[in-house]
Structures are given as C-alpha cells and as structure tokens.
C-alpha cells in the first residue's frame, strides 16, 4: 500500500513485548513457578538433585630452582660438603637437677596391713566421751509423727478397701413426702416429630390482592402461542483492530 493510505506516522508492526489489551486476564504479571532448576522451584513438584560446575583453577608453574640470584658454593655437592670431617668445640652443658624419686629403702611393704595381706576383723574399744556434748540436740521419740496405717491414703502401704456409712435417704422410703412430687400436669407433651420421622409441613399464605394500579399490562391475547420458535442463528462480525479508536468528526461535537 502506498504512503497516502496511512494517516500519521504510525505503521503496523509486531509488538516488542506483551500488551495488556491482548489478554482477558491480569496478563503476564502472574507467572507459575518453574519446574526446572534449583532456584524458585515449584514446591508442589519433585525436584531432582542439582550439581554445579566449579571454576577452573589457575595452573601452578613449577619452579626448577631458586633462580639465578642464588649462588651455590664450589665445595657444595649433592651429597653435602666436599671436605674433611671437622669438629667444633662447644661449652660444657650444665648439670641437670637431681631426681627426687625415693629409693628402694623408703618403702615398707610389711606395714601395708589390711590393704595388702588378708586378716581377721578387729574391733577397738573407744573411750567414753565425757563432756563432749552437754546438751542433747537430737530430737526425742515424741518429735516424730508416724503416719497412720488406716485408710486408703497411706504412703508406701497396701490398703484394704474402705467403706463409709451414709445417712438413711428419704427417697423411696416411708418417710418420703409424696405431696411435693410434681403431678401429671407439670410435664408438657413432647412433640412426636422430635423422636420420630416427621412428615413434611406446609404453610398457607394469605391471598394476595389484585393490583389496583392503572398500568398497561398485556393480556392473554397478546401472546402468540402458535408461532414456531426460530432456530438459533449466527452473525458475521467485521474485521477490526484491537487498538482502533473511534474517529470523532467535527459534526459529532
């Protein structure tokens, strides 16, 4: 088509990104989580183990020697110095501190007694301690309270079954006052629909009154029952653009 058929600088082209007018829903704003990968994975889907590839480490350059700045002496060989054995004179070392470990004469195994040799039990009679404790601070027998061994609430003892004697009840005996008993009229009749299958219930409404207004309502003769029903039809629409705006002329204003 020629350039005279278009109005303005706009020309039809493919949109660069999604346009909200093309979607009936909220658009691409709401996206489902992906099912591949490790990050932002869908929690409702199983995820396989993920492995990562490490970075390549830089290669280390092996060194053959200390470099040309190191000078090896002439008398140095691969097996050591090339010379006669030589000795050096060192100072006299200091005497070490004497050991304080006891000798064999310091031990007396015969004095071990019961710790080493078996012997019969021996008892000693201690002297009487006069005046050691003037006042007796120990509580006497009356200071202790022995728990009772009767009843079901005994600690550490097995108790037999216990019974209690109650007073005589007046209910059902000759001493019951029957005049205070409610009579048959004091009880209300229970609806049978509570404990049996209840039949359906219907309510009768009041008769509605005829409208007294003067509205023009169609009568029975206004409806044509004999007219056949038309089948469902289809219509052909026109081709138009989703972004075509209606043109307003000066006469429309």
C-alpha atoms as a PDB file:
ATOM      1  CA  UNK A   1       0.000   0.000   0.000  1.00  0.00           C
ATOM      2  CA  UNK A   2       1.144   3.497  -0.683  1.00  0.00           C
ATOM      3  CA  UNK A   3       2.056   6.013   1.961  1.00  0.00           C
ATOM      4  CA  UNK A   4      -1.079   8.065   1.138  1.00  0.00           C
ATOM      5  CA  UNK A   5      -3.350   5.405   2.682  1.00  0.00           C
ATOM      6  CA  UNK A   6      -1.926   5.835   6.218  1.00  0.00           C
ATOM      7  CA  UNK A   7      -2.701   8.751   8.498  1.00  0.00           C
ATOM      8  CA  UNK A   8       0.035   9.897  10.833  1.00  0.00           C
ATOM      9  CA  UNK A   9       3.493   8.367  11.439  1.00  0.00           C
ATOM     10  CA  UNK A  10       2.140   5.049  12.881  1.00  0.00           C
ATOM     11  CA  UNK A  11       2.645   1.931  10.781  1.00  0.00           C
ATOM     12  CA  UNK A  12       1.541  -1.674  11.615  1.00  0.00           C
ATOM     13  CA  UNK A  13       4.354  -3.667  13.200  1.00  0.00           C
ATOM     14  CA  UNK A  14       4.876  -6.579  15.549  1.00  0.00           C
ATOM     15  CA  UNK A  15       4.735  -5.511  19.228  1.00  0.00           C
ATOM     16  CA  UNK A  16       8.041  -5.753  21.030  1.00  0.00           C
ATOM     17  CA  UNK A  17       6.525  -7.021  24.303  1.00  0.00           C
ATOM     18  CA  UNK A  18       3.214  -8.256  25.712  1.00  0.00           C
ATOM     19  CA  UNK A  19       0.390  -5.735  25.697  1.00  0.00           C
ATOM     20  CA  UNK A  20      -2.236  -5.836  28.437  1.00  0.00           C
ATOM     21  CA  UNK A  21      -5.034  -5.191  25.935  1.00  0.00           C
ATOM     22  CA  UNK A  22      -4.402  -8.585  24.292  1.00  0.00           C
ATOM     23  CA  UNK A  23      -5.154 -10.547  27.488  1.00  0.00           C
ATOM     24  CA  UNK A  24      -8.538 -11.004  29.125  1.00  0.00           C
ATOM     25  CA  UNK A  25      -6.914 -11.867  32.485  1.00  0.00           C
ATOM     26  CA  UNK A  26      -4.401  -9.998  34.622  1.00  0.00           C
ATOM     27  CA  UNK A  27      -1.713 -10.626  31.972  1.00  0.00           C
ATOM     28  CA  UNK A  28       1.815 -11.973  32.320  1.00  0.00           C
ATOM     29  CA  UNK A  29       2.183 -10.391  35.758  1.00  0.00           C
ATOM     30  CA  UNK A  30       1.196 -13.635  37.470  1.00  0.00           C
ATOM     31  CA  UNK A  31       3.541 -16.446  36.472  1.00  0.00           C
ATOM     32  CA  UNK A  32       3.752 -20.016  37.731  1.00  0.00           C
ATOM     33  CA  UNK A  33       6.998 -21.068  39.392  1.00  0.00           C
ATOM     34  CA  UNK A  34       9.299 -23.078  37.133  1.00  0.00           C
ATOM     35  CA  UNK A  35       9.672 -26.840  37.396  1.00  0.00           C
ATOM     36  CA  UNK A  36      13.291 -26.879  36.236  1.00  0.00           C
ATOM     37  CA  UNK A  37      16.349 -25.713  38.066  1.00  0.00           C
ATOM     38  CA  UNK A  38      17.082 -25.271  41.735  1.00  0.00           C
ATOM     39  CA  UNK A  39      16.096 -21.681  42.485  1.00  0.00           C
ATOM     40  CA  UNK A  40      12.413 -20.606  42.724  1.00  0.00           C
ATOM     41  CA  UNK A  41      11.280 -24.179  42.102  1.00  0.00           C
ATOM     42  CA  UNK A  42       7.600 -25.145  42.396  1.00  0.00           C
ATOM     43  CA  UNK A  43       7.236 -26.619  45.921  1.00  0.00           C
ATOM     44  CA  UNK A  44       4.415 -28.942  44.784  1.00  0.00           C
ATOM     45  CA  UNK A  45       6.640 -30.696  42.233  1.00  0.00           C
ATOM     46  CA  UNK A  46       9.506 -33.133  42.911  1.00  0.00           C
ATOM     47  CA  UNK A  47      12.946 -31.695  42.391  1.00  0.00           C
ATOM     48  CA  UNK A  48      15.947 -33.654  41.205  1.00  0.00           C
ATOM     49  CA  UNK A  49      19.398 -33.040  42.721  1.00  0.00           C
ATOM     50  CA  UNK A  50      21.311 -30.202  41.095  1.00  0.00           C
ATOM     51  CA  UNK A  51      25.041 -30.147  40.569  1.00  0.00           C
ATOM     52  CA  UNK A  52      27.286 -27.173  39.867  1.00  0.00           C
ATOM     53  CA  UNK A  53      30.493 -26.969  37.863  1.00  0.00           C
ATOM     54  CA  UNK A  54      33.388 -25.367  39.661  1.00  0.00           C
ATOM     55  CA  UNK A  55      35.663 -22.780  38.147  1.00  0.00           C
ATOM     56  CA  UNK A  56      38.943 -23.845  36.595  1.00  0.00           C
ATOM     57  CA  UNK A  57      41.824 -23.180  38.944  1.00  0.00           C
ATOM     58  CA  UNK A  58      44.902 -21.417  37.582  1.00  0.00           C
ATOM     59  CA  UNK A  59      47.791 -23.737  36.747  1.00  0.00           C
ATOM     60  CA  UNK A  60      50.742 -23.544  39.114  1.00  0.00           C
ATOM     61  CA  UNK A  61      54.033 -23.044  37.400  1.00  0.00           C
ATOM     62  CA  UNK A  62      56.671 -25.409  38.866  1.00  0.00           C
ATOM     63  CA  UNK A  63      59.954 -23.781  39.733  1.00  0.00           C
ATOM     64  CA  UNK A  64      63.178 -25.593  38.895  1.00  0.00           C
ATOM     65  CA  UNK A  65      65.305 -23.732  41.395  1.00  0.00           C
ATOM     66  CA  UNK A  66      65.692 -20.612  43.476  1.00  0.00           C
ATOM     67  CA  UNK A  67      66.722 -18.635  40.390  1.00  0.00           C
ATOM     68  CA  UNK A  68      69.949 -17.156  39.083  1.00  0.00           C
ATOM     69  CA  UNK A  69      70.341 -14.923  42.141  1.00  0.00           C
ATOM     70  CA  UNK A  70      71.266 -17.862  44.373  1.00  0.00           C
ATOM     71  CA  UNK A  71      74.960 -18.765  44.235  1.00  0.00           C
ATOM     72  CA  UNK A  72      75.909 -22.331  45.153  1.00  0.00           C
ATOM     73  CA  UNK A  73      79.345 -22.590  46.857  1.00  0.00           C
ATOM     74  CA  UNK A  74      82.020 -24.543  44.982  1.00  0.00           C
ATOM     75  CA  UNK A  75      82.557 -27.092  47.760  1.00  0.00           C
ATOM     76  CA  UNK A  76      78.813 -27.952  47.977  1.00  0.00           C
ATOM     77  CA  UNK A  77      77.732 -31.162  46.259  1.00  0.00           C
ATOM     78  CA  UNK A  78      74.525 -33.131  46.019  1.00  0.00           C
ATOM     79  CA  UNK A  79      75.630 -35.281  48.992  1.00  0.00           C
ATOM     80  CA  UNK A  80      76.818 -32.470  51.219  1.00  0.00           C
ATOM     81  CA  UNK A  81      80.060 -30.550  51.689  1.00  0.00           C
ATOM     82  CA  UNK A  82      83.170 -31.769  49.832  1.00  0.00           C
ATOM     83  CA  UNK A  83      85.699 -31.503  52.714  1.00  0.00           C
ATOM     84  CA  UNK A  84      87.344 -33.473  55.508  1.00  0.00           C
ATOM     85  CA  UNK A  85      85.346 -34.145  58.705  1.00  0.00           C
ATOM     86  CA  UNK A  86      85.573 -31.220  61.125  1.00  0.00           C
ATOM     87  CA  UNK A  87      84.531 -30.913  64.726  1.00  0.00           C
ATOM     88  CA  UNK A  88      83.530 -27.912  66.752  1.00  0.00           C
ATOM     89  CA  UNK A  89      84.241 -27.266  70.464  1.00  0.00           C
ATOM     90  CA  UNK A  90      81.100 -26.444  72.407  1.00  0.00           C
ATOM     91  CA  UNK A  91      80.693 -25.314  76.002  1.00  0.00           C
ATOM     92  CA  UNK A  92      80.205 -27.779  78.882  1.00  0.00           C
ATOM     93  CA  UNK A  93      76.478 -28.338  79.440  1.00  0.00           C
ATOM     94  CA  UNK A  94      75.024 -27.581  82.852  1.00  0.00           C
ATOM     95  CA  UNK A  95      74.344 -30.410  85.257  1.00  0.00           C
ATOM     96  CA  UNK A  96      70.729 -31.482  85.290  1.00  0.00           C
ATOM     97  CA  UNK A  97      68.731 -31.224  88.506  1.00  0.00           C
ATOM     98  CA  UNK A  98      68.959 -34.352  90.701  1.00  0.00           C
ATOM     99  CA  UNK A  99      65.998 -36.718  90.698  1.00  0.00           C
ATOM    100  CA  UNK A 100      63.783 -36.568  93.792  1.00  0.00           C
ATOM    101  CA  UNK A 101      62.396 -40.062  93.340  1.00  0.00           C
ATOM    102  CA  UNK A 102      62.626 -42.069  96.609  1.00  0.00           C
ATOM    103  CA  UNK A 103      64.850 -45.126  96.615  1.00  0.00           C
ATOM    104  CA  UNK A 104      64.006 -48.742  97.489  1.00  0.00           C
ATOM    105  CA  UNK A 105      64.768 -48.187 101.187  1.00  0.00           C
ATOM    106  CA  UNK A 106      61.940 -45.702 101.545  1.00  0.00           C
ATOM    107  CA  UNK A 107      59.212 -48.320 101.018  1.00  0.00           C
ATOM    108  CA  UNK A 108      57.855 -50.620 103.805  1.00  0.00           C
ATOM    109  CA  UNK A 109      55.544 -53.255 102.283  1.00  0.00           C
ATOM    110  CA  UNK A 110      55.188 -55.040 105.639  1.00  0.00           C
ATOM    111  CA  UNK A 111      53.317 -52.046 107.038  1.00  0.00           C
ATOM    112  CA  UNK A 112      50.554 -52.242 104.410  1.00  0.00           C
ATOM    113  CA  UNK A 113      48.344 -54.277 106.776  1.00  0.00           C
ATOM    114  CA  UNK A 114      44.792 -54.907 105.627  1.00  0.00           C
ATOM    115  CA  UNK A 115      45.441 -53.161 102.306  1.00  0.00           C
ATOM    116  CA  UNK A 116      47.806 -55.930 101.173  1.00  0.00           C
ATOM    117  CA  UNK A 117      47.516 -59.000 103.445  1.00  0.00           C
ATOM    118  CA  UNK A 118      44.278 -60.753 104.482  1.00  0.00           C
ATOM    119  CA  UNK A 119      43.492 -60.611 108.199  1.00  0.00           C
ATOM    120  CA  UNK A 120      40.640 -61.281 110.625  1.00  0.00           C
ATOM    121  CA  UNK A 121      38.263 -58.488 111.599  1.00  0.00           C
ATOM    122  CA  UNK A 122      39.465 -56.396 114.530  1.00  0.00           C
ATOM    123  CA  UNK A 123      37.475 -54.159 116.835  1.00  0.00           C
ATOM    124  CA  UNK A 124      38.605 -51.357 119.077  1.00  0.00           C
ATOM    125  CA  UNK A 125      37.012 -50.055 122.253  1.00  0.00           C
ATOM    126  CA  UNK A 126      36.803 -46.305 122.115  1.00  0.00           C
ATOM    127  CA  UNK A 127      36.943 -44.275 125.318  1.00  0.00           C
ATOM    128  CA  UNK A 128      33.825 -42.754 126.784  1.00  0.00           C
ATOM    129  CA  UNK A 129      33.339 -39.192 125.621  1.00  0.00           C
ATOM    130  CA  UNK A 130      32.599 -37.334 128.842  1.00  0.00           C
ATOM    131  CA  UNK A 131      31.578 -33.747 128.490  1.00  0.00           C
ATOM    132  CA  UNK A 132      31.721 -33.675 124.732  1.00  0.00           C
ATOM    133  CA  UNK A 133      28.068 -32.765 124.319  1.00  0.00           C
ATOM    134  CA  UNK A 134      26.482 -31.175 127.371  1.00  0.00           C
ATOM    135  CA  UNK A 135      23.038 -30.626 125.900  1.00  0.00           C
ATOM    136  CA  UNK A 136      21.436 -33.252 123.739  1.00  0.00           C
ATOM    137  CA  UNK A 137      20.408 -31.608 120.436  1.00  0.00           C
ATOM    138  CA  UNK A 138      18.929 -34.785 118.997  1.00  0.00           C
ATOM    139  CA  UNK A 139      15.094 -34.777 118.917  1.00  0.00           C
ATOM    140  CA  UNK A 140      13.377 -37.398 121.056  1.00  0.00           C
ATOM    141  CA  UNK A 141      10.848 -40.046 120.011  1.00  0.00           C
ATOM    142  CA  UNK A 142       7.941 -37.678 120.587  1.00  0.00           C
ATOM    143  CA  UNK A 143       9.220 -35.284 117.933  1.00  0.00           C
ATOM    144  CA  UNK A 144       8.451 -37.720 115.115  1.00  0.00           C
ATOM    145  CA  UNK A 145       4.915 -38.252 113.810  1.00  0.00           C
ATOM    146  CA  UNK A 146       4.294 -41.696 112.357  1.00  0.00           C
ATOM    147  CA  UNK A 147       1.751 -41.658 109.536  1.00  0.00           C
ATOM    148  CA  UNK A 148      -1.453 -43.527 110.137  1.00  0.00           C
ATOM    149  CA  UNK A 149      -1.783 -47.007 108.678  1.00  0.00           C
ATOM    150  CA  UNK A 150      -5.575 -46.820 108.438  1.00  0.00           C
ATOM    151  CA  UNK A 151      -7.411 -45.571 105.389  1.00  0.00           C
ATOM    152  CA  UNK A 152      -6.688 -45.500 101.657  1.00  0.00           C
ATOM    153  CA  UNK A 153      -4.219 -42.598 101.817  1.00  0.00           C
ATOM    154  CA  UNK A 154      -1.241 -44.432 103.267  1.00  0.00           C
ATOM    155  CA  UNK A 155       2.134 -43.811 101.624  1.00  0.00           C
ATOM    156  CA  UNK A 156       4.087 -46.976 100.840  1.00  0.00           C
ATOM    157  CA  UNK A 157       1.455 -49.369 102.257  1.00  0.00           C
ATOM    158  CA  UNK A 158      -1.208 -51.502 100.602  1.00  0.00           C
ATOM    159  CA  UNK A 159      -4.620 -50.603 101.981  1.00  0.00           C
ATOM    160  CA  UNK A 160      -7.758 -52.717 102.012  1.00  0.00           C
ATOM    161  CA  UNK A 161     -10.999 -51.415 100.543  1.00  0.00           C
ATOM    162  CA  UNK A 162     -12.738 -48.958 102.848  1.00  0.00           C
ATOM    163  CA  UNK A 163     -16.432 -48.261 103.138  1.00  0.00           C
ATOM    164  CA  UNK A 164     -18.297 -45.292 104.540  1.00  0.00           C
ATOM    165  CA  UNK A 165     -21.715 -45.269 106.192  1.00  0.00           C
ATOM    166  CA  UNK A 166     -24.083 -42.618 104.886  1.00  0.00           C
ATOM    167  CA  UNK A 167     -27.309 -41.428 106.379  1.00  0.00           C
ATOM    168  CA  UNK A 168     -30.637 -43.003 105.501  1.00  0.00           C
ATOM    169  CA  UNK A 169     -32.178 -41.451 102.372  1.00  0.00           C
ATOM    170  CA  UNK A 170     -35.823 -40.436 102.394  1.00  0.00           C
ATOM    171  CA  UNK A 171     -36.297 -41.068  98.678  1.00  0.00           C
ATOM    172  CA  UNK A 172     -38.339 -44.224  98.148  1.00  0.00           C
ATOM    173  CA  UNK A 173     -38.860 -44.830 101.854  1.00  0.00           C
ATOM    174  CA  UNK A 174     -41.897 -44.403 104.050  1.00  0.00           C
ATOM    175  CA  UNK A 175     -40.616 -41.016 105.171  1.00  0.00           C
ATOM    176  CA  UNK A 176     -40.817 -39.508 101.646  1.00  0.00           C
ATOM    177  CA  UNK A 177     -43.346 -36.678 101.301  1.00  0.00           C
ATOM    178  CA  UNK A 178     -45.292 -37.534  98.173  1.00  0.00           C
ATOM    179  CA  UNK A 179     -47.177 -34.255  98.269  1.00  0.00           C
ATOM    180  CA  UNK A 180     -44.089 -32.482  96.922  1.00  0.00           C
ATOM    181  CA  UNK A 181     -43.918 -34.737  93.858  1.00  0.00           C
ATOM    182  CA  UNK A 182     -44.991 -32.975  90.627  1.00  0.00           C
ATOM    183  CA  UNK A 183     -48.225 -34.249  89.150  1.00  0.00           C
ATOM    184  CA  UNK A 184     -49.026 -35.250  85.573  1.00  0.00           C
ATOM    185  CA  UNK A 185     -49.919 -31.699  84.594  1.00  0.00           C
ATOM    186  CA  UNK A 186     -46.435 -30.488  85.432  1.00  0.00           C
ATOM    187  CA  UNK A 187     -44.951 -32.263  82.399  1.00  0.00           C
ATOM    188  CA  UNK A 188     -45.532 -30.971  78.882  1.00  0.00           C
ATOM    189  CA  UNK A 189     -46.266 -33.264  75.976  1.00  0.00           C
ATOM    190  CA  UNK A 190     -43.242 -33.794  73.740  1.00  0.00           C
ATOM    191  CA  UNK A 191     -43.801 -33.275  70.030  1.00  0.00           C
ATOM    192  CA  UNK A 192     -43.603 -36.683  68.257  1.00  0.00           C
ATOM    193  CA  UNK A 193     -41.570 -35.054  65.497  1.00  0.00           C
ATOM    194  CA  UNK A 194     -38.613 -34.886  67.921  1.00  0.00           C
ATOM    195  CA  UNK A 195     -38.135 -38.636  68.349  1.00  0.00           C
ATOM    196  CA  UNK A 196     -39.957 -39.948  65.247  1.00  0.00           C
ATOM    197  CA  UNK A 197     -39.828 -39.325  61.497  1.00  0.00           C
ATOM    198  CA  UNK A 198     -41.544 -36.030  60.881  1.00  0.00           C
ATOM    199  CA  UNK A 199     -43.846 -35.612  57.891  1.00  0.00           C
ATOM    200  CA  UNK A 200     -43.444 -32.622  55.567  1.00  0.00           C
ATOM    201  CA  UNK A 201     -45.193 -29.489  56.742  1.00  0.00           C
ATOM    202  CA  UNK A 202     -46.774 -26.831  54.583  1.00  0.00           C
ATOM    203  CA  UNK A 203     -47.921 -23.343  55.435  1.00  0.00           C
ATOM    204  CA  UNK A 204     -50.894 -21.496  53.913  1.00  0.00           C
ATOM    205  CA  UNK A 205     -50.245 -17.901  52.961  1.00  0.00           C
ATOM    206  CA  UNK A 206     -52.829 -15.200  52.700  1.00  0.00           C
ATOM    207  CA  UNK A 207     -54.437 -14.445  49.333  1.00  0.00           C
ATOM    208  CA  UNK A 208     -52.679 -11.601  47.560  1.00  0.00           C
ATOM    209  CA  UNK A 209     -54.839  -8.731  46.426  1.00  0.00           C
ATOM    210  CA  UNK A 210     -55.255  -7.756  42.794  1.00  0.00           C
ATOM    211  CA  UNK A 211     -53.106  -4.744  41.869  1.00  0.00           C
ATOM    212  CA  UNK A 212     -55.224  -1.624  41.725  1.00  0.00           C
ATOM    213  CA  UNK A 213     -52.823   0.476  39.645  1.00  0.00           C
ATOM    214  CA  UNK A 214     -53.511   1.658  36.091  1.00  0.00           C
ATOM    215  CA  UNK A 215     -50.518   0.038  34.408  1.00  0.00           C
ATOM    216  CA  UNK A 216     -50.822  -1.213  30.840  1.00  0.00           C
ATOM    217  CA  UNK A 217     -50.168  -4.957  31.148  1.00  0.00           C
ATOM    218  CA  UNK A 218     -50.535  -7.298  28.153  1.00  0.00           C
ATOM    219  CA  UNK A 219     -53.468  -9.659  28.247  1.00  0.00           C
ATOM    220  CA  UNK A 220     -53.670 -13.344  27.257  1.00  0.00           C
ATOM    221  CA  UNK A 221     -54.487 -12.452  23.654  1.00  0.00           C
ATOM    222  CA  UNK A 222     -51.230 -10.518  23.279  1.00  0.00           C
ATOM    223  CA  UNK A 223     -49.189 -13.754  23.218  1.00  0.00           C
ATOM    224  CA  UNK A 224     -48.988 -15.874  20.071  1.00  0.00           C
ATOM    225  CA  UNK A 225     -48.516 -19.477  21.110  1.00  0.00           C
ATOM    226  CA  UNK A 226     -48.901 -20.962  17.631  1.00  0.00           C
ATOM    227  CA  UNK A 227     -45.917 -19.103  16.209  1.00  0.00           C
ATOM    228  CA  UNK A 228     -42.988 -21.594  15.791  1.00  0.00           C
ATOM    229  CA  UNK A 229     -39.745 -20.874  17.552  1.00  0.00           C
ATOM    230  CA  UNK A 230     -36.994 -19.511  15.373  1.00  0.00           C
ATOM    231  CA  UNK A 231     -33.818 -21.576  15.238  1.00  0.00           C
ATOM    232  CA  UNK A 232     -30.607 -20.156  16.619  1.00  0.00           C
ATOM    233  CA  UNK A 233     -28.643 -18.083  14.124  1.00  0.00           C
ATOM    234  CA  UNK A 234     -25.130 -16.748  13.766  1.00  0.00           C
ATOM    235  CA  UNK A 235     -23.882 -13.372  12.684  1.00  0.00           C
ATOM    236  CA  UNK A 236     -20.668 -12.446  10.904  1.00  0.00           C
ATOM    237  CA  UNK A 237     -18.641  -9.738  12.576  1.00  0.00           C
ATOM    238  CA  UNK A 238     -16.331  -7.250  10.944  1.00  0.00           C
ATOM    239  CA  UNK A 239     -12.548  -7.382  10.987  1.00  0.00           C
ATOM    240  CA  UNK A 240     -11.119  -4.609  13.078  1.00  0.00           C
ATOM    241  CA  UNK A 241      -8.026  -3.891  15.137  1.00  0.00           C
ATOM    242  CA  UNK A 242      -7.898  -4.183  18.922  1.00  0.00           C
ATOM    243  CA  UNK A 243      -6.344  -0.731  19.103  1.00  0.00           C
ATOM    244  CA  UNK A 244      -8.593   1.057  16.618  1.00  0.00           C
ATOM    245  CA  UNK A 245     -10.072   4.180  18.169  1.00  0.00           C
ATOM    246  CA  UNK A 246     -13.353   5.681  17.031  1.00  0.00           C
ATOM    247  CA  UNK A 247     -12.939   8.715  14.794  1.00  0.00           C
ATOM    248  CA  UNK A 248     -14.732  11.841  16.000  1.00  0.00           C
ATOM    249  CA  UNK A 249     -15.657  14.336  13.306  1.00  0.00           C
ATOM    250  CA  UNK A 250     -16.443  17.944  13.845  1.00  0.00           C
ATOM    251  CA  UNK A 251     -20.142  17.298  13.284  1.00  0.00           C
ATOM    252  CA  UNK A 252     -20.193  14.840  16.196  1.00  0.00           C
ATOM    253  CA  UNK A 253     -19.099  17.559  18.556  1.00  0.00           C
END
